[in-house]
């Protein structure tokens, strides 16, 4: 009885620590929805330039995921997580000189460094939460992590926008109407300076969390065994010598690419989309929170239903179909209805990462770390797809561009949920 109690206590401790990390992921990641309109105004950018915020942040995953897996082999999961938090803190500090000089490339550098730290954290924490329990309930555990992530994501744009975009419409009007270059520069410098204090606070908090993780008793997990599954999946890795010999993993990485691109479009681009529909900046700065609220509802549903009433792959299938329907509705409607359809895409997107990740790493065994890194590389979809949208909306309507980018994403995820996830 004591052993069972101890195991349950340790399991709860592990879940709590990883949940805290997922809260950090969400808080930092979903600041981008506020940073896009903020930097667009402060640095006087067009829409395509402003979308480089998501590009700089998410493309770092592509370059850093594989090195992250190698770092984790040397440091272990716990020390790797602490290192990732420190790197993120450095990225936050880069915002200070960027704001003082109002240099957009330096802001992008800070975002890239933050993404580097998150790539290391994601590569460590996602397989950790998948492996510490049964694989068939991994989506449920990651959904719990998703709630931590999205609660932070709901809070972060509200907090940051209340600081950096306070009275945004008035400031935008003053900058537009300013004819004296000195006055206009002063207004822009004052606006850019608003970002300094919040990012100093974040840097301090991240450094303290790194120290806490480093000193914690979070245990290591052994991924060197031939398989991570004790059931039918135990034979999946028999005789395989390369991670590329797992088709369900490679297809899963592409599914992650499509999913993250769709999630960023629904969460970060919704503000620009709303501005195109005629909504004021004072309203659009909160649109990201609407998307994250619907994602939170999706996580609650997945926790209640998976795996008791529906398998994680079937839930993924239904979510992809919902994504197709809502994307089509976004094209066919306008105004508040179109914005609502985009926000509800959060409900469709909620279970995609929790379902795709464990399905893709199922049975990788000693290839789990490198497989996790390959999946994390797929996060680069958040860098690429908004850029495609930014280019398309210059030649076709913004609603048509949204449809062209989003429909293929959900169609592919539907394929993966129906057939692509099956280990061969």
Protein backbone atom coordinates (compact mmCIF):
# COMPACT_ATOMS: atom_id res chain seq x y z
CA UNK A 1 0.00 0.00 0.00
CA UNK A 2 2.86 2.35 0.87
CA UNK A 3 4.61 1.60 -2.43
CA UNK A 4 1.42 2.39 -4.36
CA UNK A 5 0.97 5.64 -2.43
CA UNK A 6 4.58 6.60 -3.11
CA UNK A 7 4.20 5.88 -6.83
CA UNK A 8 1.02 7.95 -6.99
CA UNK A 9 2.74 10.80 -5.12
CA UNK A 10 5.72 10.72 -7.48
CA UNK A 11 3.44 10.60 -10.52
CA UNK A 12 1.48 13.64 -9.26
CA UNK A 13 4.75 15.47 -8.59
CA UNK A 14 5.99 14.79 -12.13
CA UNK A 15 2.69 15.91 -13.65
CA UNK A 16 2.76 19.14 -11.60
CA UNK A 17 6.31 20.07 -12.63
CA UNK A 18 5.69 19.38 -16.32
CA UNK A 19 2.36 21.22 -16.05
CA UNK A 20 4.26 24.29 -14.79
CA UNK A 21 6.55 24.07 -17.82
CA UNK A 22 3.59 23.85 -20.18
CA UNK A 23 2.18 26.96 -18.49
CA UNK A 24 5.44 28.72 -19.37
CA UNK A 25 5.23 27.45 -22.99
CA UNK A 26 1.77 28.92 -23.33
CA UNK A 27 2.53 32.24 -21.69
CA UNK A 28 5.56 32.97 -23.87
CA UNK A 29 4.19 31.46 -27.11
CA UNK A 30 0.86 33.26 -27.12
CA UNK A 31 2.42 36.65 -26.50
CA UNK A 32 2.99 36.67 -30.26
CA UNK A 33 -0.67 37.45 -30.86
CA UNK A 34 -0.12 40.76 -29.06
CA UNK A 35 3.38 41.38 -30.38
CA UNK A 36 2.25 41.26 -34.01
CA UNK A 37 -0.03 44.36 -33.84
CA UNK A 38 2.27 46.01 -31.28
CA UNK A 39 5.42 45.75 -33.41
CA UNK A 40 3.47 46.51 -36.56
CA UNK A 41 2.57 49.86 -35.01
CA UNK A 42 5.76 50.57 -33.04
CA UNK A 43 8.11 49.68 -35.90
CA UNK A 44 5.77 50.91 -38.68
CA UNK A 45 5.50 47.60 -40.56
CA UNK A 46 3.16 46.21 -43.18
CA UNK A 47 1.24 42.97 -42.60
CA UNK A 48 3.79 40.66 -44.21
CA UNK A 49 6.63 42.20 -42.22
CA UNK A 50 4.67 41.94 -38.97
CA UNK A 51 4.10 38.24 -39.59
CA UNK A 52 7.87 37.73 -39.34
CA UNK A 53 7.16 37.71 -35.60
CA UNK A 54 5.74 34.20 -35.95
CA UNK A 55 8.42 33.27 -38.50
CA UNK A 56 11.35 34.17 -36.23
CA UNK A 57 9.77 32.46 -33.24
CA UNK A 58 8.70 29.18 -34.83
CA UNK A 59 11.51 28.67 -37.36
CA UNK A 60 13.92 28.26 -34.44
CA UNK A 61 12.26 24.91 -33.69
CA UNK A 62 13.31 23.64 -37.11
CA UNK A 63 16.97 24.48 -36.56
CA UNK A 64 17.21 23.66 -32.86
CA UNK A 65 15.13 20.49 -32.46
CA UNK A 66 17.82 18.01 -33.57
CA UNK A 67 20.60 19.76 -31.61
CA UNK A 68 18.20 19.77 -28.64
CA UNK A 69 17.95 15.98 -28.78
CA UNK A 70 21.75 15.77 -28.71
CA UNK A 71 21.90 18.20 -25.79
CA UNK A 72 19.38 16.09 -23.88
CA UNK A 73 21.52 13.00 -24.36
CA UNK A 74 24.32 14.84 -22.56
CA UNK A 75 22.34 16.73 -19.92
CA UNK A 76 19.37 14.46 -19.32
CA UNK A 77 15.78 15.65 -19.34
CA UNK A 78 15.80 17.66 -16.10
CA UNK A 79 18.97 19.67 -16.74
CA UNK A 80 17.90 20.16 -20.35
CA UNK A 81 14.63 21.73 -19.20
CA UNK A 82 16.52 24.09 -16.86
CA UNK A 83 18.87 25.07 -19.68
CA UNK A 84 15.92 25.77 -21.97
CA UNK A 85 14.42 28.15 -19.40
CA UNK A 86 17.70 30.05 -19.14
CA UNK A 87 17.94 30.43 -22.91
CA UNK A 88 14.39 31.81 -22.94
CA UNK A 89 15.37 34.33 -20.25
CA UNK A 90 18.23 35.54 -22.47
CA UNK A 91 15.77 35.96 -25.34
CA UNK A 92 13.55 38.13 -23.13
CA UNK A 93 16.49 40.36 -22.17
CA UNK A 94 17.27 41.02 -25.84
CA UNK A 95 13.96 42.91 -25.98
CA UNK A 96 15.47 45.67 -23.82
CA UNK A 97 18.00 47.01 -26.38
CA UNK A 98 15.52 46.20 -29.18
CA UNK A 99 12.93 48.49 -27.58
CA UNK A 100 15.43 51.23 -26.78
CA UNK A 101 16.64 51.35 -30.40
CA UNK A 102 13.27 50.35 -31.87
CA UNK A 103 15.00 47.81 -34.09
CA UNK A 104 12.66 45.19 -35.53
CA UNK A 105 15.51 42.79 -36.49
CA UNK A 106 16.67 42.81 -32.86
CA UNK A 107 13.13 42.03 -31.69
CA UNK A 108 13.17 39.10 -34.12
CA UNK A 109 16.50 37.97 -32.67
CA UNK A 110 15.01 37.93 -29.19
CA UNK A 111 12.04 35.91 -30.44
CA UNK A 112 14.37 33.45 -32.18
CA UNK A 113 16.37 32.95 -28.96
CA UNK A 114 13.15 32.42 -27.00
CA UNK A 115 12.16 29.82 -29.58
CA UNK A 116 15.55 28.12 -29.11
CA UNK A 117 14.86 27.69 -25.42
CA UNK A 118 11.34 26.45 -26.08
CA UNK A 119 12.62 23.95 -28.65
CA UNK A 120 14.79 22.40 -25.94
CA UNK A 121 11.92 22.43 -23.44
CA UNK A 122 9.46 20.93 -25.92
CA UNK A 123 11.88 18.21 -27.01
CA UNK A 124 12.31 17.19 -23.37
CA UNK A 125 8.85 17.60 -21.89
CA UNK A 126 6.59 16.14 -24.58
CA UNK A 127 8.11 12.64 -24.67
CA UNK A 128 8.40 12.82 -20.88
CA UNK A 129 4.67 13.31 -20.39
CA UNK A 130 3.91 10.72 -23.09
CA UNK A 131 6.11 8.00 -21.60
CA UNK A 132 5.45 8.32 -17.84
CA UNK A 133 2.09 6.56 -18.28
CA UNK A 134 0.23 4.21 -20.66
CA UNK A 135 0.48 5.24 -24.32
CA UNK A 136 -3.29 4.89 -24.90
CA UNK A 137 -3.99 7.63 -22.37
CA UNK A 138 -1.09 9.86 -23.40
CA UNK A 139 -3.47 12.23 -25.23
CA UNK A 140 -5.36 12.66 -21.97
CA UNK A 141 -2.18 13.59 -20.07
CA UNK A 142 -1.04 15.97 -22.79
CA UNK A 143 -4.52 17.50 -22.76
CA UNK A 144 -4.06 18.25 -19.05
CA UNK A 145 -0.77 19.88 -20.03
CA UNK A 146 -2.67 21.70 -22.75
CA UNK A 147 -5.02 23.21 -20.17
CA UNK A 148 -1.99 24.58 -18.32
CA UNK A 149 -0.67 25.86 -21.66
CA UNK A 150 -3.88 27.52 -22.79
CA UNK A 151 -4.79 29.04 -19.42
CA UNK A 152 -1.43 30.78 -19.64
CA UNK A 153 -2.16 31.60 -23.28
CA UNK A 154 -5.47 33.21 -22.33
CA UNK A 155 -3.77 35.31 -19.65
CA UNK A 156 -0.66 36.38 -21.56
CA UNK A 157 -2.29 38.47 -24.35
CA UNK A 158 -4.65 40.03 -21.81
CA UNK A 159 -1.76 41.03 -19.55
CA UNK A 160 0.65 42.17 -22.26
CA UNK A 161 -1.95 43.99 -24.35
CA UNK A 162 -3.18 45.87 -21.26
CA UNK A 163 0.37 47.19 -20.88
CA UNK A 164 1.77 47.68 -24.38
CA UNK A 165 -1.48 48.33 -26.29
CA UNK A 166 -3.30 50.44 -23.70
CA UNK A 167 -5.38 53.07 -25.55
CA UNK A 168 -4.10 51.52 -28.77
CA UNK A 169 -6.62 53.18 -31.10
CA UNK A 170 -5.80 56.66 -29.76
CA UNK A 171 -2.08 56.06 -30.07
CA UNK A 172 -2.51 54.71 -33.59
CA UNK A 173 -4.49 57.83 -34.51
CA UNK A 174 -1.90 60.19 -32.97
CA UNK A 175 0.94 58.47 -34.83
CA UNK A 176 -0.97 58.57 -38.12
CA UNK A 177 -1.87 62.24 -37.72
CA UNK A 178 1.57 63.38 -36.53
CA UNK A 179 3.21 65.54 -39.21
CA UNK A 180 6.30 66.55 -37.23
CA UNK A 181 8.90 63.72 -37.51
CA UNK A 182 10.25 64.50 -34.04
CA UNK A 183 6.81 64.20 -32.42
CA UNK A 184 6.08 61.00 -34.37
CA UNK A 185 9.43 59.48 -33.37
CA UNK A 186 8.77 60.38 -29.74
CA UNK A 187 5.38 58.67 -29.82
CA UNK A 188 6.86 55.55 -31.40
CA UNK A 189 9.77 55.44 -28.92
CA UNK A 190 7.39 55.80 -25.99
CA UNK A 191 5.24 52.98 -27.35
CA UNK A 192 8.23 50.68 -27.93
CA UNK A 193 9.49 51.32 -24.39
CA UNK A 194 6.34 49.83 -22.91
CA UNK A 195 7.60 46.33 -23.66
CA UNK A 196 10.74 46.61 -21.49
CA UNK A 197 9.29 46.11 -17.99
CA UNK A 198 7.17 43.01 -18.77
CA UNK A 199 10.08 41.27 -20.46
CA UNK A 200 12.46 42.04 -17.59
CA UNK A 201 9.94 40.45 -15.22
CA UNK A 202 9.65 37.40 -17.49
CA UNK A 203 13.44 37.01 -17.67
CA UNK A 204 13.69 37.00 -13.87
CA UNK A 205 10.84 34.51 -13.48
CA UNK A 206 12.33 32.17 -16.11
CA UNK A 207 15.75 32.25 -14.40
CA UNK A 208 14.16 31.42 -11.03
CA UNK A 209 12.19 28.54 -12.58
CA UNK A 210 15.39 27.19 -14.15
CA UNK A 211 16.99 27.09 -10.71
CA UNK A 212 13.91 25.39 -9.26
CA UNK A 213 13.86 22.70 -11.96
CA UNK A 214 17.61 22.14 -11.56
CA UNK A 215 17.20 21.55 -7.81
CA UNK A 216 14.01 19.49 -8.09
CA UNK A 217 13.84 15.72 -7.64
CA UNK A 218 12.25 15.24 -11.06
CA UNK A 219 13.40 11.73 -12.12
CA UNK A 220 14.99 10.81 -15.43
CA UNK A 221 13.21 8.40 -17.79
CA UNK A 222 14.92 5.60 -19.68
CA UNK A 223 14.32 5.73 -23.42
CA UNK A 224 17.15 3.37 -24.29
CA UNK A 225 14.97 0.31 -24.18
CA UNK A 226 14.04 -1.22 -27.52
CA UNK A 227 10.44 -0.04 -27.20
CA UNK A 228 8.34 2.29 -25.11
CA UNK A 229 5.33 -0.03 -25.35
CA UNK A 230 4.82 -3.27 -23.47
CA UNK A 231 1.87 -4.34 -25.63
CA UNK A 232 1.52 -4.97 -29.35
CA UNK A 233 3.80 -2.04 -30.07
CA UNK A 234 6.75 -3.76 -28.43
CA UNK A 235 7.80 -5.30 -31.75
CA UNK A 236 7.53 -2.09 -33.76
CA UNK A 237 11.20 -1.20 -33.44
CA UNK A 238 12.61 -4.71 -33.86
CA UNK A 239 15.56 -4.67 -36.25
CA UNK A 240 15.27 -0.99 -37.14
CA UNK A 241 18.42 1.10 -37.27
CA UNK A 242 17.14 4.58 -38.21
CA UNK A 243 14.37 6.91 -37.12
CA UNK A 244 13.43 7.27 -40.79
CA UNK A 245 12.29 3.63 -40.79
CA UNK A 246 9.17 4.65 -38.84
CA UNK A 247 6.66 5.98 -41.43
CA UNK A 248 4.08 6.85 -38.77
CA UNK A 249 6.67 9.17 -37.19
CA UNK A 250 7.61 10.93 -40.43
CA UNK A 251 3.95 11.37 -41.38
CA UNK A 252 3.30 12.59 -37.84
CA UNK A 253 5.99 15.27 -38.18
CA UNK A 254 4.19 16.59 -41.27
CA UNK A 255 0.90 16.46 -39.33
CA UNK A 256 2.49 18.56 -36.58
CA UNK A 257 3.70 21.00 -39.26
CA UNK A 258 0.15 21.37 -40.59
CA UNK A 259 -1.43 21.55 -37.15
CA UNK A 260 0.90 24.21 -35.72
CA UNK A 261 0.49 26.30 -38.87
CA UNK A 262 -3.29 26.10 -38.49
CA UNK A 263 -3.10 26.86 -34.76
CA UNK A 264 -0.95 29.95 -35.31
CA UNK A 265 -3.27 31.12 -38.09
CA UNK A 266 -6.27 30.77 -35.76
CA UNK A 267 -4.55 32.23 -32.70
CA UNK A 268 -2.00 34.82 -33.84
CA UNK A 269 -3.31 35.88 -37.26
CA UNK A 270 -6.90 36.31 -36.07
CA UNK A 271 -6.09 39.87 -34.98
CA UNK A 272 -4.87 40.87 -38.45
CA UNK A 273 -7.84 39.07 -39.97
CA UNK A 274 -10.20 41.02 -37.71
CA UNK A 275 -8.47 44.30 -38.60
CA UNK A 276 -9.06 43.46 -42.28
CA UNK A 277 -12.75 43.04 -41.46
CA UNK A 278 -12.84 46.57 -40.03
CA UNK A 279 -12.52 45.92 -36.28
CA UNK A 280 -10.49 48.47 -34.28
CA UNK A 281 -7.14 47.64 -32.66
CA UNK A 282 -8.70 48.04 -29.22
CA UNK A 283 -10.94 45.07 -30.07
CA UNK A 284 -8.64 42.89 -32.16
CA UNK A 285 -5.94 42.84 -29.47
CA UNK A 286 -8.18 40.45 -27.48
CA UNK A 287 -9.11 38.11 -30.34
CA UNK A 288 -6.31 35.65 -29.56
CA UNK A 289 -7.88 35.09 -26.14
CA UNK A 290 -11.14 34.00 -27.80
CA UNK A 291 -9.31 31.30 -29.78
CA UNK A 292 -7.49 30.07 -26.69
CA UNK A 293 -10.73 29.96 -24.73
CA UNK A 294 -12.23 27.58 -27.28
CA UNK A 295 -9.04 25.50 -27.18
CA UNK A 296 -9.43 25.24 -23.42
CA UNK A 297 -12.92 23.84 -23.93
CA UNK A 298 -11.48 21.30 -26.38
CA UNK A 299 -8.94 20.12 -23.82
CA UNK A 300 -11.64 19.65 -21.19
CA UNK A 301 -13.69 17.56 -23.62
CA UNK A 302 -10.69 15.42 -24.57
CA UNK A 303 -9.85 14.74 -20.92
CA UNK A 304 -13.44 13.65 -20.29
CA UNK A 305 -13.75 11.49 -23.41
CA UNK A 306 -10.27 10.01 -24.11
CA UNK A 307 -9.82 7.03 -23.92
CA UNK A 308 -13.02 6.04 -22.09
CA UNK A 309 -15.53 6.93 -24.80
CA UNK A 310 -13.42 7.68 -27.87
CA UNK A 311 -9.88 6.81 -28.94
CA UNK A 312 -7.34 9.59 -29.42
CA UNK A 313 -7.10 8.89 -33.16
CA UNK A 314 -10.89 9.10 -33.60
CA UNK A 315 -11.03 12.34 -31.60
CA UNK A 316 -8.31 13.65 -33.92
CA UNK A 317 -10.40 12.62 -36.92
CA UNK A 318 -13.51 14.43 -35.69
CA UNK A 319 -11.41 17.51 -34.87
CA UNK A 320 -10.00 17.62 -38.41
CA UNK A 321 -13.52 17.43 -39.87
CA UNK A 322 -14.64 20.27 -37.57
CA UNK A 323 -11.64 22.29 -38.76
CA UNK A 324 -12.67 21.82 -42.40
CA UNK A 325 -16.25 22.90 -41.64
CA UNK A 326 -15.26 26.00 -39.64
CA UNK A 327 -12.65 27.08 -42.21
CA UNK A 328 -15.27 26.88 -44.94
CA UNK A 329 -17.71 28.88 -42.78
CA UNK A 330 -15.05 31.54 -42.28
CA UNK A 331 -14.91 31.99 -46.05
CA UNK A 332 -18.69 32.05 -46.49
CA UNK A 333 -19.42 34.55 -43.69
CA UNK A 334 -18.16 37.99 -42.64
CA UNK A 335 -17.91 40.32 -39.65
CA UNK A 336 -18.35 38.91 -36.15
CA UNK A 337 -19.53 35.54 -37.50
CA UNK A 338 -16.28 35.03 -39.43
CA UNK A 339 -14.21 35.99 -36.39
CA UNK A 340 -16.25 33.59 -34.26
CA UNK A 341 -15.58 30.75 -36.73
CA UNK A 342 -11.84 31.41 -36.54
CA UNK A 343 -11.96 31.52 -32.75
CA UNK A 344 -13.86 28.20 -32.70
CA UNK A 345 -11.02 26.66 -34.70
CA UNK A 346 -9.33 26.56 -31.30
CA UNK A 347 -11.84 23.84 -30.37
CA UNK A 348 -10.86 21.86 -33.47
CA UNK A 349 -7.14 22.38 -32.83
CA UNK A 350 -7.15 21.55 -29.12
CA UNK A 351 -6.63 17.78 -29.27
CA UNK A 352 -4.35 17.72 -32.32
CA UNK A 353 -1.01 18.03 -30.57
CA UNK A 354 -2.10 15.77 -27.65
CA UNK A 355 -3.19 13.08 -30.14
CA UNK A 356 -0.57 13.37 -32.88
CA UNK A 357 2.51 13.41 -30.62
CA UNK A 358 1.95 10.13 -28.72
CA UNK A 359 0.67 8.38 -31.87
CA UNK A 360 3.82 9.43 -33.73
CA UNK A 361 6.35 8.37 -31.05
CA UNK A 362 4.56 5.10 -30.27
CA UNK A 363 7.09 2.25 -30.25
CA UNK A 364 10.22 4.31 -31.03
CA UNK A 365 12.17 2.99 -28.05
CA UNK A 366 15.78 4.19 -28.20
CA UNK A 367 14.80 6.57 -31.02
CA UNK A 368 12.34 8.45 -28.78
CA UNK A 369 14.55 11.51 -28.26
CA UNK A 370 15.45 11.96 -31.92
CA UNK A 371 11.85 11.15 -32.91
CA UNK A 372 10.61 13.79 -30.50
CA UNK A 373 13.06 16.25 -32.03
CA UNK A 374 11.76 15.46 -35.52
CA UNK A 375 8.20 16.17 -34.35
CA UNK A 376 9.28 19.40 -32.68
CA UNK A 377 10.84 20.45 -36.00
CA UNK A 378 7.31 20.30 -37.38
CA UNK A 379 6.49 23.34 -35.23
CA UNK A 380 8.13 25.30 -38.05
CA UNK A 381 4.69 25.16 -39.67
CA UNK A 382 3.89 28.12 -37.44
CA UNK A 383 6.64 30.03 -39.24
CA UNK A 384 5.87 29.02 -42.82
CA UNK A 385 2.08 29.04 -43.18
CA UNK A 386 1.45 32.59 -41.88
CA UNK A 387 4.07 33.82 -44.37
CA UNK A 388 2.24 32.04 -47.18
CA UNK A 389 -0.96 33.70 -45.97
CA UNK A 390 0.77 37.09 -45.90
CA UNK A 391 1.91 36.67 -49.50
CA UNK A 392 -1.44 35.37 -50.76
CA UNK A 393 -3.53 38.13 -49.18
CA UNK A 394 -1.62 40.63 -51.31
CA UNK A 395 -2.97 39.06 -54.51
CA UNK A 396 -6.29 37.53 -53.45
CA UNK A 397 -8.76 38.46 -50.72
CA UNK A 398 -7.71 37.80 -47.12
CA UNK A 399 -10.66 35.39 -46.74
CA UNK A 400 -9.65 33.43 -49.83
CA UNK A 401 -6.04 33.33 -48.63
CA UNK A 402 -7.18 31.97 -45.26
CA UNK A 403 -9.16 29.22 -46.98
CA UNK A 404 -6.29 28.25 -49.30
CA UNK A 405 -3.86 27.94 -46.41
CA UNK A 406 -6.10 26.20 -43.86
CA UNK A 407 -8.08 23.58 -45.81
CA UNK A 408 -5.04 21.48 -46.86
CA UNK A 409 -3.88 21.46 -43.23
CA UNK A 410 -7.06 19.91 -41.89
CA UNK A 411 -7.39 17.56 -44.87
CA UNK A 412 -3.93 16.10 -44.22
CA UNK A 413 -4.56 15.79 -40.47
CA UNK A 414 -7.77 13.89 -41.32
CA UNK A 415 -5.68 11.48 -43.41
CA UNK A 416 -3.20 10.98 -40.56
CA UNK A 417 -6.01 10.30 -38.09
CA UNK A 418 -7.61 7.78 -40.45
CA UNK A 419 -4.55 5.88 -41.66
CA UNK A 420 -1.20 7.65 -41.33
CA UNK A 421 -0.79 7.08 -37.58
CA UNK A 422 -0.66 3.28 -37.89
CA UNK A 423 2.80 1.83 -37.16
CA UNK A 424 4.11 -0.35 -39.96
